[in-house]
Each structure stands twice: as structure tokens, then as C-alpha cells.
Amino acid sequence: MSLRAAERIVQTLLYEGYLLYPYRRSSQKNRKRWSFGSLHPADRPGERSRIHAECLVRGDASARIDVHARFLQAVECRSVEGAHYEAIERTVTLEGCRLDEFIEKYFLLEPDSDAMRRTLRLSGTLGMAARTVSQNLFRIEIEVENGTAALDPELDVFASTHLVIHTENAEFVSLLEPPHELAELTAGLRNDGVFPILVGEPGVRDTLLASPIILYDYPAIAPESPGDLFDATEIDEILTLRILTLTEAEKAEIRATDPRGARLLERTEALGAAELSRLHGALRAAELAPGTRVRLRPRARADAFDIALAGRTATIHSIERTLESDVFFAVTIDDDPGADLGEQGMIGHRFFFRADEVEPLA
């Protein structure tokens, strides 16, 4: 179940940066593809060739782990206008790994060429090792390395490399919010190029996503989002409205640039008034009210308090709205030693956060 629930997150991260507005080859942004998490051949100086992930899992030695390495392989597409690059998805899997063994898999992806499209042969390794920490607690180490000989800087790369790690009969430990007794151990884990987070249904601990883009545990795509825009740092509403202002000539170039760009344009032009209105935003505050206990997840990093209060628990004191209709939750920190300094019912120390920066506690 968690694997299916995580798939949309994985797809979004795989294609982050694959195309950028205005989605045309004539744009300077799109003349060279880029992505987070690219692994280059080891003999190419100055570039990363491997990723290394470590995590903790609770279970007995009979538990099984599946590891899926996901990345994009570049395809050179030729036309009368010259060459451009698209991508195909690749998955290499280790299945049924025991917690008391080391497994390494060498893989080859064969080349494919004709008059219009060309890929190179790629080679690499995917390995997993498990070490016993204590009874029913294991340390997992996973590596992916690009072992291809350096031939073509456009085509011999594992682009947007991610790991999906799944178990059916054990539980992973959160590295962001580990149990108190495991905090020191998780802090000593080495993650190079990726960072594992829990994904899937909140509270379920059977799947980790190790991504070069660091997120909190249990990330989700907003239900208002109609599809991938390849730029999660942009606001969907603004980017959608920009797309709708393009000329017919510009739209024709998008359709000719990449099949995924063509599908994005078709989907955007088909949006109705109600769907466009939903993109304006949503306040998910149905379960947030004065007295609700929350965990703070500051996103703006606007000042030192955003850093100091990240992960702390707090209680909502009031809900405030600005003249611009922005909503903020005024909270008091649960372990604030100055919380009782207020007089005549006033609260001494209050901090203000948006709805997407507070997480209700169960």
C-alpha cells in the first residue's frame, strides 16, 4: 500500500527540473537538461558517481527488504532541426534481501540506436548491507554507483537517482523524528547524496524514499494540483496562468519540444474555471483550532526562530487573519519557560505560523 501511495511523490521528484517554463527548446533554460541527483562515470573529475544511504529498521533477521533504484536515462533525439534530449525511466531492484546478508548487483542497460533516437550502454552496481545493532535492530547501508566508462556527458549519466526501500514485515525508524533512545544512533548515520524519509500513509513505517531533494516524513502532493509542472519551487497557479498566456506559436514549439511538455500543455488548456479557482489555494484548518497541539515545521526560514523552533511541539492560542486575508496560527511553545509570564489572561510568548507550517499531533 505504501509503495502505491508513494509513487506520485517519486514521479514528481524524478522529473523535477526536467522541463522548465516556458518549456521550449529555444529557451535558454531548456537547452541543457538538468536534475538533482545525477551520477556521472567515476572517471569524470569533479562529478558525483555514487550515492550512499543509511537507515535503521526494526524486525527480526527473517525480515525481507526490497530496494528499488530509480533514475532517468537520457535519449538523444535527432531531427532536421538538430539533436535534443528526452528521458526514459530506469529501475534496478534487489528483492527479498535478508537482514543478515550483503547483496550486490551489477547491472547493464543495453544501448538502443536507430536513425532518430540513441542511448548509450550504461553499467552500474546496486548494493545493500545489513549490520546488527542490537536485538531486532539493524543498520542498513545502500549504495548505487555509475560504473559506465566516460563517453558522452549528455548520455552516460544516471539522472535524478532515487532509492525506494520497502519491507513487508519490519519497520523503519524515522531519521527526522527518531525515538529518544535512538536519536544519537540516527545522528551518526551517513547519507551522501540522498536522505531517507518515510513515505506512504502517515504512521505506516514500511517504506523509505531516499531522495537528493530533502523533504519531511510523509510528503504529499496537494489534491488541488492537476499534474506535474516539473518545477515544485514554483506556485502552480502562477505557472498555470503563465502557460495560458503563451501565443499559439509558442504552444506549437512546446508540443514539438518533448511529449511530456505536450501533455502538460494539453492538460493546462483543458482546465475549467472551477479547477483554476482551486489552484488559488486551500486552507486546511478543519482540525486546527485554539487548544490544538501541533508540531512546528517552519518553511520560510525568515529568522532564527524558524530554525530554533523547528520540530518543537506547541499549542494553538488563536487564529489570526491579516488585511490581505493571509491566515496565521498564533502558538505557544509547550516547553517555553516564559509561557506563564503573561498577565490578565494574556499569553507571554506567541509565535506565528502558516497552516502548512503546523502539523496536528495525534
Foldseek 3Di string as FASTA:
>chain_A
DQVVQCVQVLVQQQLQQQAAPVLFCVDPSFVAGAHAQKAFAPPPPPGHFKWKEKFKKFDAQQWFKKKKKKFWFWKWFQDPVGTDIDTDIDIDMDTGDTQQDKDKDKDWDPWDDDPTITAHIWIWMWIKHWDDPDGRMIMIMIMIGTNDDDDDVRGHMRHFIKMKMFIDGIFIAALVDGPPVCVVVSVPTDTGSWYWAAEGPPPGGGMIMTGSDDDHHHDHDPPLDPDHPSHPVDQRLVVLVVLVPDDPVSLVSSVVHDVVSVVVSVSSVPDDPVSSVPSVDDQPCPPPAAFFKWFFADDPPPDVCNVVRHGFIWGFHHWDADPVRFIKTWTDTPPPPQQPVDPPPDGDDIDIDHRVGIGTDD
